[in-house]
Amino acid sequence: MPRSLDVEERFRVVADYTYDWESWIGPDGRTEWVNPAVERLTGYTVAECLAMADYPLAIVHADDRPRLTEVLRSAARGTSGNDLEFRVKRRDGTERWAAISWQPIFASDGRCLGYRSSVRDIHERKRFEKRLRDAQERAALAARAKSDFLAHLSHELRTPLQCIAGFAELLARTPLDDEQRRWLGIVEQRGADPARLLP
């Protein structure tokens, strides 16, 4: 039977083994706590994050910083939000997609303790979405190419078919036996609708 844990130990067990990157920002804007999952996602240790003057913005891709800055300002004003996507700039220079959720936190007596944020790794999902978009674009291009090819082929066939139709009309004015007339009828029928010759 596991030994009894005090409140702080219970908190640490849960917080340290939470898969998502969790942070607690105090009401004065100071970073109070970061869980170890930050290292898995960013490559930075908890100690390095706590030492950053502009945490977590220092870890955010430069193009996504303005949006995330506004989110963090809004969180400091007590708002909640969910699933804002942004790119993390990892310690090794690579980028990963993540999504942040945030909400205010309060003490048991109602005092505001700042806000917490939870960042989850969505990099694989974003890669899958990109592969799906690429496949859809390739399929659309292939469909357009097929349509253009058939339109071009149909146009190219019209001139020789009109010529054949003209000769068939002249041939119809000459004496023909029943078998010849049957074949001539097929030529005239197919020549009247070039699309029937295409796949």
C-alpha atoms as a PDB file:
ATOM      1  CA  MET A   1       0.000   0.000   0.000  1.00  0.00           C
ATOM      2  CA  PRO A   2       1.466   3.421  -1.000  1.00  0.00           C
ATOM      3  CA  ARG A   3       2.469   5.718   1.805  1.00  0.00           C
ATOM      4  CA  SER A   4       0.352   8.751   2.441  1.00  0.00           C
ATOM      5  CA  LEU A   5       1.487  11.911   0.637  1.00  0.00           C
ATOM      6  CA  ASP A   6       1.072  15.467   1.824  1.00  0.00           C
ATOM      7  CA  VAL A   7      -0.673  18.006  -0.420  1.00  0.00           C
ATOM      8  CA  GLU A   8       2.514  19.372  -1.971  1.00  0.00           C
ATOM      9  CA  GLU A   9       3.841  15.872  -2.747  1.00  0.00           C
ATOM     10  CA  ARG A  10       0.539  14.941  -4.389  1.00  0.00           C
ATOM     11  CA  PHE A  11       0.694  18.129  -6.447  1.00  0.00           C
ATOM     12  CA  ARG A  12       4.266  17.374  -7.530  1.00  0.00           C
ATOM     13  CA  VAL A  13       3.428  13.783  -8.531  1.00  0.00           C
ATOM     14  CA  VAL A  14       0.604  14.953 -10.790  1.00  0.00           C
ATOM     15  CA  ALA A  15       2.327  18.081 -12.115  1.00  0.00           C
ATOM     16  CA  ASP A  16       5.696  16.504 -12.828  1.00  0.00           C
ATOM     17  CA  TYR A  17       4.158  13.644 -14.799  1.00  0.00           C
ATOM     18  CA  THR A  18       1.613  15.641 -16.768  1.00  0.00           C
ATOM     19  CA  TYR A  19       2.360  15.131 -20.457  1.00  0.00           C
ATOM     20  CA  ASP A  20       1.514  18.683 -21.571  1.00  0.00           C
ATOM     21  CA  TRP A  21       3.774  21.661 -20.888  1.00  0.00           C
ATOM     22  CA  GLU A  22       2.157  23.492 -17.971  1.00  0.00           C
ATOM     23  CA  SER A  23       2.987  26.930 -16.572  1.00  0.00           C
ATOM     24  CA  TRP A  24       1.734  29.119 -13.751  1.00  0.00           C
ATOM     25  CA  ILE A  25       2.138  32.873 -14.194  1.00  0.00           C
ATOM     26  CA  GLY A  26       1.484  34.939 -11.072  1.00  0.00           C
ATOM     27  CA  PRO A  27      -0.672  38.078 -10.909  1.00  0.00           C
ATOM     28  CA  ASP A  28       2.505  40.211 -11.071  1.00  0.00           C
ATOM     29  CA  GLY A  29       3.487  38.553 -14.392  1.00  0.00           C
ATOM     30  CA  ARG A  30       6.290  36.457 -12.853  1.00  0.00           C
ATOM     31  CA  THR A  31       6.638  32.820 -13.821  1.00  0.00           C
ATOM     32  CA  GLU A  32       5.862  30.885 -10.636  1.00  0.00           C
ATOM     33  CA  TRP A  33       6.171  27.337 -11.912  1.00  0.00           C
ATOM     34  CA  VAL A  34       6.836  25.273 -15.045  1.00  0.00           C
ATOM     35  CA  ASN A  35       6.535  21.486 -15.266  1.00  0.00           C
ATOM     36  CA  PRO A  36       9.270  19.186 -16.664  1.00  0.00           C
ATOM     37  CA  ALA A  37       7.259  18.477 -19.852  1.00  0.00           C
ATOM     38  CA  VAL A  38       8.618  21.788 -21.167  1.00  0.00           C
ATOM     39  CA  GLU A  39      11.933  20.091 -21.895  1.00  0.00           C
ATOM     40  CA  ARG A  40      10.357  17.363 -24.010  1.00  0.00           C
ATOM     41  CA  LEU A  41       8.587  19.926 -26.186  1.00  0.00           C
ATOM     42  CA  THR A  42      11.136  22.760 -26.291  1.00  0.00           C
ATOM     43  CA  GLY A  43      14.519  21.337 -25.305  1.00  0.00           C
ATOM     44  CA  TYR A  44      14.792  23.929 -22.490  1.00  0.00           C
ATOM     45  CA  THR A  45      14.933  22.841 -18.840  1.00  0.00           C
ATOM     46  CA  VAL A  46      12.603  24.122 -16.143  1.00  0.00           C
ATOM     47  CA  ALA A  47      15.479  26.136 -14.624  1.00  0.00           C
ATOM     48  CA  GLU A  48      16.239  27.769 -17.994  1.00  0.00           C
ATOM     49  CA  CYS A  49      12.594  28.688 -18.479  1.00  0.00           C
ATOM     50  CA  LEU A  50      12.320  30.183 -14.982  1.00  0.00           C
ATOM     51  CA  ALA A  51      15.426  32.294 -15.703  1.00  0.00           C
ATOM     52  CA  MET A  52      14.010  33.746 -18.964  1.00  0.00           C
ATOM     53  CA  ALA A  53      12.963  37.394 -18.694  1.00  0.00           C
ATOM     54  CA  ASP A  54      10.328  37.016 -21.419  1.00  0.00           C
ATOM     55  CA  TYR A  55       9.132  33.443 -20.794  1.00  0.00           C
ATOM     56  CA  PRO A  56       7.459  31.854 -22.737  1.00  0.00           C
ATOM     57  CA  LEU A  57       7.793  34.294 -25.660  1.00  0.00           C
ATOM     58  CA  ALA A  58      11.524  33.575 -25.970  1.00  0.00           C
ATOM     59  CA  ILE A  59      10.580  30.039 -27.043  1.00  0.00           C
ATOM     60  CA  VAL A  60       7.912  31.127 -29.558  1.00  0.00           C
ATOM     61  CA  HIS A  61       8.573  31.478 -33.291  1.00  0.00           C
ATOM     62  CA  ALA A  62       9.092  35.180 -34.138  1.00  0.00           C
ATOM     63  CA  ASP A  63       6.140  35.245 -36.574  1.00  0.00           C
ATOM     64  CA  ASP A  64       3.764  33.908 -33.887  1.00  0.00           C
ATOM     65  CA  ARG A  65       4.953  36.132 -31.002  1.00  0.00           C
ATOM     66  CA  PRO A  66       2.553  39.060 -31.595  1.00  0.00           C
ATOM     67  CA  ARG A  67      -0.489  36.753 -31.457  1.00  0.00           C
ATOM     68  CA  LEU A  68       0.767  34.912 -28.392  1.00  0.00           C
ATOM     69  CA  THR A  69       1.697  38.188 -26.687  1.00  0.00           C
ATOM     70  CA  GLU A  70      -1.925  39.323 -27.047  1.00  0.00           C
ATOM     71  CA  VAL A  71      -3.177  35.981 -25.694  1.00  0.00           C
ATOM     72  CA  LEU A  72      -0.918  36.223 -22.628  1.00  0.00           C
ATOM     73  CA  ARG A  73      -2.039  39.828 -21.986  1.00  0.00           C
ATOM     74  CA  SER A  74      -5.631  38.670 -22.225  1.00  0.00           C
ATOM     75  CA  ALA A  75      -4.899  35.758 -19.844  1.00  0.00           C
ATOM     76  CA  ALA A  76      -3.367  38.212 -17.351  1.00  0.00           C
ATOM     77  CA  ARG A  77      -6.680  40.141 -17.467  1.00  0.00           C
ATOM     78  CA  GLY A  78      -8.520  36.970 -16.409  1.00  0.00           C
ATOM     79  CA  THR A  79      -9.785  35.532 -19.687  1.00  0.00           C
ATOM     80  CA  SER A  80      -9.861  31.889 -20.698  1.00  0.00           C
ATOM     81  CA  GLY A  81      -9.149  30.414 -24.099  1.00  0.00           C
ATOM     82  CA  ASN A  82      -8.411  27.188 -25.839  1.00  0.00           C
ATOM     83  CA  ASP A  83      -6.354  25.756 -28.695  1.00  0.00           C
ATOM     84  CA  LEU A  84      -4.518  28.756 -30.114  1.00  0.00           C
ATOM     85  CA  GLU A  85      -1.963  27.246 -32.494  1.00  0.00           C
ATOM     86  CA  PHE A  86       1.612  28.539 -32.666  1.00  0.00           C
ATOM     87  CA  ARG A  87       5.129  27.357 -33.411  1.00  0.00           C
ATOM     88  CA  VAL A  88       7.719  26.629 -30.747  1.00  0.00           C
ATOM     89  CA  LYS A  89      11.334  27.487 -31.550  1.00  0.00           C
ATOM     90  CA  ARG A  90      13.204  24.632 -29.900  1.00  0.00           C
ATOM     91  CA  ARG A  91      16.620  24.949 -28.311  1.00  0.00           C
ATOM     92  CA  ASP A  92      18.185  22.997 -31.220  1.00  0.00           C
ATOM     93  CA  GLY A  93      16.708  25.483 -33.739  1.00  0.00           C
ATOM     94  CA  THR A  94      13.955  23.224 -35.044  1.00  0.00           C
ATOM     95  CA  GLU A  95      10.289  24.202 -34.963  1.00  0.00           C
ATOM     96  CA  ARG A  96       7.305  22.316 -33.598  1.00  0.00           C
ATOM     97  CA  TRP A  97       3.620  23.136 -33.728  1.00  0.00           C
ATOM     98  CA  ALA A  98       1.811  23.475 -30.410  1.00  0.00           C
ATOM     99  CA  ALA A  99      -1.561  24.673 -29.120  1.00  0.00           C
ATOM    100  CA  ILE A 100      -2.063  26.671 -25.928  1.00  0.00           C
ATOM    101  CA  SER A 101      -5.037  26.819 -23.562  1.00  0.00           C
ATOM    102  CA  TRP A 102      -5.230  29.221 -20.593  1.00  0.00           C
ATOM    103  CA  GLN A 103      -7.435  30.117 -17.645  1.00  0.00           C
ATOM    104  CA  PRO A 104      -7.296  32.207 -14.465  1.00  0.00           C
ATOM    105  CA  ILE A 105      -6.564  30.436 -11.177  1.00  0.00           C
ATOM    106  CA  PHE A 106      -7.763  31.376  -7.701  1.00  0.00           C
ATOM    107  CA  ALA A 107      -6.885  30.586  -4.092  1.00  0.00           C
ATOM    108  CA  SER A 108      -9.501  29.010  -1.820  1.00  0.00           C
ATOM    109  CA  ASP A 109     -10.259  32.477  -0.385  1.00  0.00           C
ATOM    110  CA  GLY A 110     -10.996  33.835  -3.904  1.00  0.00           C
ATOM    111  CA  ARG A 111      -7.722  35.726  -4.447  1.00  0.00           C
ATOM    112  CA  CYS A 112      -6.508  35.664  -8.035  1.00  0.00           C
ATOM    113  CA  LEU A 113      -3.254  33.731  -8.287  1.00  0.00           C
ATOM    114  CA  GLY A 114      -2.658  34.661 -11.916  1.00  0.00           C
ATOM    115  CA  TYR A 115      -3.273  32.180 -14.691  1.00  0.00           C
ATOM    116  CA  ARG A 116      -2.170  28.772 -15.855  1.00  0.00           C
ATOM    117  CA  SER A 117      -1.386  27.732 -19.372  1.00  0.00           C
ATOM    118  CA  SER A 118      -1.256  24.305 -20.893  1.00  0.00           C
ATOM    119  CA  VAL A 119       0.604  23.702 -24.160  1.00  0.00           C
ATOM    120  CA  ARG A 120       0.210  20.492 -26.093  1.00  0.00           C
ATOM    121  CA  ASP A 121       2.263  19.177 -28.969  1.00  0.00           C
ATOM    122  CA  ILE A 122       0.224  19.123 -32.216  1.00  0.00           C
ATOM    123  CA  HIS A 123       3.180  18.758 -34.584  1.00  0.00           C
ATOM    124  CA  GLU A 124       2.174  15.344 -35.960  1.00  0.00           C
ATOM    125  CA  ARG A 125      -1.396  16.492 -36.534  1.00  0.00           C
ATOM    126  CA  LYS A 126      -0.143  19.559 -38.459  1.00  0.00           C
ATOM    127  CA  ARG A 127       2.159  17.346 -40.575  1.00  0.00           C
ATOM    128  CA  PHE A 128      -0.778  15.060 -41.378  1.00  0.00           C
ATOM    129  CA  GLU A 129      -2.974  18.071 -42.276  1.00  0.00           C
ATOM    130  CA  LYS A 130      -0.250  19.356 -44.619  1.00  0.00           C
ATOM    131  CA  ARG A 131       0.104  15.953 -46.298  1.00  0.00           C
ATOM    132  CA  LEU A 132      -3.677  15.832 -46.740  1.00  0.00           C
ATOM    133  CA  ARG A 133      -3.755  19.378 -48.232  1.00  0.00           C
ATOM    134  CA  ASP A 134      -0.880  18.479 -50.576  1.00  0.00           C
ATOM    135  CA  ALA A 135      -2.682  15.318 -51.712  1.00  0.00           C
ATOM    136  CA  GLN A 136      -5.901  17.283 -52.319  1.00  0.00           C
ATOM    137  CA  GLU A 137      -3.987  19.881 -54.352  1.00  0.00           C
ATOM    138  CA  ARG A 138      -2.319  17.147 -56.415  1.00  0.00           C
ATOM    139  CA  ALA A 139      -5.704  15.484 -57.032  1.00  0.00           C
ATOM    140  CA  ALA A 140      -7.236  18.840 -58.086  1.00  0.00           C
ATOM    141  CA  LEU A 141      -4.298  19.497 -60.452  1.00  0.00           C
ATOM    142  CA  ALA A 142      -4.629  16.011 -61.949  1.00  0.00           C
ATOM    143  CA  ALA A 143      -8.388  16.493 -62.465  1.00  0.00           C
ATOM    144  CA  ARG A 144      -7.757  19.880 -64.142  1.00  0.00           C
ATOM    145  CA  ALA A 145      -5.036  18.383 -66.333  1.00  0.00           C
ATOM    146  CA  LYS A 146      -7.358  15.554 -67.420  1.00  0.00           C
ATOM    147  CA  SER A 147     -10.169  18.000 -68.156  1.00  0.00           C
ATOM    148  CA  ASP A 148      -7.813  20.262 -70.153  1.00  0.00           C
ATOM    149  CA  PHE A 149      -6.433  17.278 -72.060  1.00  0.00           C
ATOM    150  CA  LEU A 150      -9.899  16.015 -73.002  1.00  0.00           C
ATOM    151  CA  ALA A 151     -11.017  19.503 -74.054  1.00  0.00           C
ATOM    152  CA  HIS A 152      -7.882  19.887 -76.205  1.00  0.00           C
ATOM    153  CA  LEU A 153      -8.287  16.407 -77.698  1.00  0.00           C
ATOM    154  CA  SER A 154     -11.938  17.069 -78.464  1.00  0.00           C
ATOM    155  CA  HIS A 155     -10.982  20.317 -80.210  1.00  0.00           C
ATOM    156  CA  GLU A 156      -8.213  18.592 -82.192  1.00  0.00           C
ATOM    157  CA  LEU A 157     -10.597  15.820 -83.315  1.00  0.00           C
ATOM    158  CA  ARG A 158     -13.278  18.185 -84.607  1.00  0.00           C
ATOM    159  CA  THR A 159     -11.474  19.196 -87.827  1.00  0.00           C
ATOM    160  CA  PRO A 160     -10.696  15.671 -89.085  1.00  0.00           C
ATOM    161  CA  LEU A 161     -14.161  14.476 -88.013  1.00  0.00           C
ATOM    162  CA  GLN A 162     -15.820  17.326 -89.912  1.00  0.00           C
ATOM    163  CA  CYS A 163     -13.803  16.292 -92.951  1.00  0.00           C
ATOM    164  CA  ILE A 164     -14.912  12.658 -92.540  1.00  0.00           C
ATOM    165  CA  ALA A 165     -18.527  13.806 -92.076  1.00  0.00           C
ATOM    166  CA  GLY A 166     -18.289  15.800 -95.316  1.00  0.00           C
ATOM    167  CA  PHE A 167     -16.955  12.795 -97.218  1.00  0.00           C
ATOM    168  CA  ALA A 168     -19.646  10.592 -95.651  1.00  0.00           C
ATOM    169  CA  GLU A 169     -22.299  13.036 -96.864  1.00  0.00           C
ATOM    170  CA  LEU A 170     -20.861  12.894-100.379  1.00  0.00           C
ATOM    171  CA  LEU A 171     -20.645   9.092-100.187  1.00  0.00           C
ATOM    172  CA  ALA A 172     -24.316   8.923 -99.147  1.00  0.00           C
ATOM    173  CA  ARG A 173     -25.261  10.471-102.522  1.00  0.00           C
ATOM    174  CA  THR A 174     -23.710   7.554-104.404  1.00  0.00           C
ATOM    175  CA  PRO A 175     -25.245   4.120-104.991  1.00  0.00           C
ATOM    176  CA  LEU A 176     -24.467   1.820-101.996  1.00  0.00           C
ATOM    177  CA  ASP A 177     -25.577  -1.659-100.965  1.00  0.00           C
ATOM    178  CA  ASP A 178     -27.239  -2.323 -97.575  1.00  0.00           C
ATOM    179  CA  GLU A 179     -23.990  -3.303 -95.814  1.00  0.00           C
ATOM    180  CA  GLN A 180     -22.232  -0.144 -97.048  1.00  0.00           C
ATOM    181  CA  ARG A 181     -25.192   2.016 -95.950  1.00  0.00           C
ATOM    182  CA  ARG A 182     -25.084   0.441 -92.473  1.00  0.00           C
ATOM    183  CA  TRP A 183     -21.372   1.279 -92.113  1.00  0.00           C
ATOM    184  CA  LEU A 184     -21.938   4.767 -93.466  1.00  0.00           C
ATOM    185  CA  GLY A 185     -24.705   5.285 -90.862  1.00  0.00           C
ATOM    186  CA  ILE A 186     -22.274   4.362 -88.073  1.00  0.00           C
ATOM    187  CA  VAL A 187     -19.668   6.832 -89.437  1.00  0.00           C
ATOM    188  CA  GLU A 188     -22.295   9.627 -89.639  1.00  0.00           C
ATOM    189  CA  GLN A 189     -23.656   8.875 -86.148  1.00  0.00           C
ATOM    190  CA  ARG A 190     -20.200   8.838 -84.471  1.00  0.00           C
ATOM    191  CA  GLY A 191     -19.024  11.861 -86.451  1.00  0.00           C
ATOM    192  CA  ALA A 192     -22.010  13.912 -85.242  1.00  0.00           C
ATOM    193  CA  ASP A 193     -20.883  13.548 -81.601  1.00  0.00           C
ATOM    194  CA  PRO A 194     -17.069  13.590 -81.194  1.00  0.00           C
ATOM    195  CA  ALA A 195     -17.394  13.229 -77.426  1.00  0.00           C
ATOM    196  CA  ARG A 196     -18.554   9.646 -77.944  1.00  0.00           C
ATOM    197  CA  LEU A 197     -15.091   8.814 -79.273  1.00  0.00           C
ATOM    198  CA  LEU A 198     -13.406   9.961 -76.066  1.00  0.00           C
ATOM    199  CA  PRO A 199     -13.061   7.944 -72.827  1.00  0.00           C
END
